[in-house]
C-alpha atoms as a PDB file:
ATOM      1  CA  MET A   1      -5.725   7.765  -5.161  1.00  0.00           C
ATOM      2  CA  ARG A   2      -4.600   4.226  -4.455  1.00  0.00           C
ATOM      3  CA  CYS A   3      -3.310   3.182  -1.091  1.00  0.00           C
ATOM      4  CA  CYS A   4       0.163   2.448  -2.440  1.00  0.00           C
ATOM      5  CA  ASP A   5       0.363   6.040  -3.712  1.00  0.00           C
ATOM      6  CA  THR A   6       0.214   7.249  -0.122  1.00  0.00           C
ATOM      7  CA  HIS A   7       3.160   5.204   1.205  1.00  0.00           C
ATOM      8  CA  PRO A   8       5.740   7.975   0.817  1.00  0.00           C
ATOM      9  CA  THR A   9       3.413  10.482   2.460  1.00  0.00           C
ATOM     10  CA  THR A  10       2.666   8.063   5.303  1.00  0.00           C
ATOM     11  CA  ALA A  11       6.358   7.280   5.652  1.00  0.00           C
ATOM     12  CA  LEU A  12       7.242  10.936   5.913  1.00  0.00           C
ATOM     13  CA  ARG A  13       4.555  11.530   8.516  1.00  0.00           C
ATOM     14  CA  LEU A  14       5.733   8.562  10.554  1.00  0.00           C
ATOM     15  CA  THR A  15       9.310   9.743  10.259  1.00  0.00           C
ATOM     16  CA  ASN A  16       8.293  13.033  11.819  1.00  0.00           C
ATOM     17  CA  VAL A  17       6.388  11.243  14.595  1.00  0.00           C
ATOM     18  CA  HIS A  18       9.110   8.709  15.445  1.00  0.00           C
ATOM     19  CA  CYS A  19      12.053  11.055  15.276  1.00  0.00           C
ATOM     20  CA  SER A  20      12.527  13.464  18.118  1.00  0.00           C
ATOM     21  CA  PHE A  21      14.928  15.661  16.152  1.00  0.00           C
ATOM     22  CA  GLN A  22      14.233  18.135  13.381  1.00  0.00           C
ATOM     23  CA  PHE A  23      15.601  17.304   9.960  1.00  0.00           C
ATOM     24  CA  PRO A  24      18.416  19.543   8.904  1.00  0.00           C
ATOM     25  CA  ARG A  25      17.294  21.970   6.212  1.00  0.00           C
ATOM     26  CA  GLU A  26      19.359  20.202   3.533  1.00  0.00           C
ATOM     27  CA  ILE A  27      17.727  16.810   4.131  1.00  0.00           C
ATOM     28  CA  ASP A  28      14.290  18.387   4.327  1.00  0.00           C
ATOM     29  CA  SER A  29      14.882  20.172   1.018  1.00  0.00           C
ATOM     30  CA  ARG A  30      16.090  16.962  -0.649  1.00  0.00           C
ATOM     31  CA  LEU A  31      12.988  15.098   0.481  1.00  0.00           C
ATOM     32  CA  LEU A  32      10.667  17.769  -0.803  1.00  0.00           C
ATOM     33  CA  TYR A  33      12.338  18.671  -4.082  1.00  0.00           C
ATOM     34  CA  ASP A  34      15.057  16.299  -5.293  1.00  0.00           C
ATOM     35  CA  LEU A  35      13.825  12.762  -4.606  1.00  0.00           C
ATOM     36  CA  ASP A  36      11.350  10.788  -6.647  1.00  0.00           C
ATOM     37  CA  ARG A  37       8.768   8.506  -5.032  1.00  0.00           C
ATOM     38  CA  LYS A  38      11.026   5.412  -5.004  1.00  0.00           C
ATOM     39  CA  GLU A  39      13.880   7.318  -3.416  1.00  0.00           C
ATOM     40  CA  ILE A  40      11.597   8.708  -0.702  1.00  0.00           C
ATOM     41  CA  VAL A  41      10.344   5.212   0.134  1.00  0.00           C
ATOM     42  CA  ALA A  42      13.916   3.882   0.196  1.00  0.00           C
ATOM     43  CA  PHE A  43      14.917   6.698   2.546  1.00  0.00           C
ATOM     44  CA  ALA A  44      11.908   6.083   4.797  1.00  0.00           C
ATOM     45  CA  ARG A  45      12.673   2.337   4.936  1.00  0.00           C
ATOM     46  CA  GLU A  46      15.986   3.130   6.628  1.00  0.00           C
ATOM     47  CA  ASN A  47      13.989   3.655   9.837  1.00  0.00           C
ATOM     48  CA  PRO A  48      13.102   0.176  11.234  1.00  0.00           C
ATOM     49  CA  GLU A  49       9.728   1.296  12.631  1.00  0.00           C
ATOM     50  CA  ILE A  50       8.681   2.865   9.351  1.00  0.00           C
ATOM     51  CA  ARG A  51       9.968  -0.127   7.357  1.00  0.00           C
ATOM     52  CA  LYS A  52       7.844  -2.394   9.566  1.00  0.00           C
ATOM     53  CA  HIS A  53       4.777  -0.219   8.960  1.00  0.00           C
ATOM     54  CA  LEU A  54       5.363  -0.079   5.190  1.00  0.00           C
ATOM     55  CA  ASP A  55       5.877  -3.862   5.029  1.00  0.00           C
ATOM     56  CA  LEU A  56       2.608  -4.374   6.903  1.00  0.00           C
ATOM     57  CA  GLN A  57       0.800  -2.042   4.523  1.00  0.00           C
ATOM     58  CA  ASP A  58       2.267  -3.897   1.520  1.00  0.00           C
ATOM     59  CA  ARG A  59       0.999  -7.208   2.925  1.00  0.00           C
ATOM     60  CA  LYS A  60      -2.454  -5.691   3.490  1.00  0.00           C
ATOM     61  CA  ASP A  61      -2.518  -4.378  -0.087  1.00  0.00           C
ATOM     62  CA  LYS A  62      -1.565  -7.789  -1.502  1.00  0.00           C
ATOM     63  CA  LEU A  63      -4.170  -9.520   0.643  1.00  0.00           C
ATOM     64  CA  GLU A  64      -6.803  -7.079  -0.608  1.00  0.00           C
ATOM     65  CA  GLU A  65      -5.782  -7.788  -4.226  1.00  0.00           C
ATOM     66  CA  VAL A  66      -6.210 -11.533  -3.644  1.00  0.00           C
ATOM     67  CA  ARG A  67      -9.580 -10.988  -1.958  1.00  0.00           C
ATOM     68  CA  LEU A  68     -10.836  -8.869  -4.862  1.00  0.00           C
ATOM     69  CA  ALA A  69      -9.593 -11.408  -7.418  1.00  0.00           C
ATOM     70  CA  ARG A  70     -11.423 -14.216  -5.618  1.00  0.00           C
ATOM     71  CA  CYS A  71     -14.602 -12.143  -5.425  1.00  0.00           C
ATOM     72  CA  ARG A  72     -14.427 -11.485  -9.184  1.00  0.00           C
ATOM     73  CA  THR A  73     -13.875 -15.200  -9.853  1.00  0.00           C
ATOM     74  CA  LEU A  74     -16.780 -16.170  -7.608  1.00  0.00           C
ATOM     75  CA  ARG A  75     -19.039 -13.570  -9.244  1.00  0.00           C
ATOM     76  CA  HIS A  76     -18.041 -14.884 -12.677  1.00  0.00           C
ATOM     77  CA  LEU A  77     -18.791 -18.492 -11.656  1.00  0.00           C
ATOM     78  CA  ILE A  78     -22.179 -17.538 -10.221  1.00  0.00           C
ATOM     79  CA  THR A  79     -23.070 -15.641 -13.397  1.00  0.00           C
ATOM     80  CA  TRP A  80     -21.881 -18.496 -15.606  1.00  0.00           C
ATOM     81  CA  THR A  81     -23.857 -21.041 -13.547  1.00  0.00           C
ATOM     82  CA  ARG A  82     -27.056 -19.008 -13.789  1.00  0.00           C
ATOM     83  CA  CYS A  83     -26.674 -18.278 -17.507  1.00  0.00           C
ATOM     84  CA  SER A  84     -25.885 -21.856 -18.473  1.00  0.00           C
ATOM     85  CA  GLY A  85     -28.748 -23.398 -16.527  1.00  0.00           C
ATOM     86  CA  HIS A  86     -26.512 -25.239 -14.052  1.00  0.00           C
ATOM     87  CA  GLU A  87     -28.204 -23.877 -10.959  1.00  0.00           C
ATOM     88  CA  ALA A  88     -28.303 -26.308  -8.080  1.00  0.00           C
ATOM     89  CA  ALA A  89     -31.685 -27.771  -7.267  1.00  0.00           C
ATOM     90  CA  GLN A  90     -33.173 -26.145  -4.212  1.00  0.00           C
END
């Protein structure tokens, strides 16, 4: 399971932590049965604290994607250098 797949779950958990009231049964039922993943995230983003947390997680995910892409590029360059005989003299 990817990290971005857990955002709605995390958002719902944080909603329960940050809110001191219990959700009315109707809202609770809608969250569990009627909303798709995008709608749950949109609902969770209405809370400023949760929105801040989700935005931070999105930035972390994007940073990780960039880091992995650079690692793949570096690995490819090292492999290409070794295979083509362009190794630096040591």
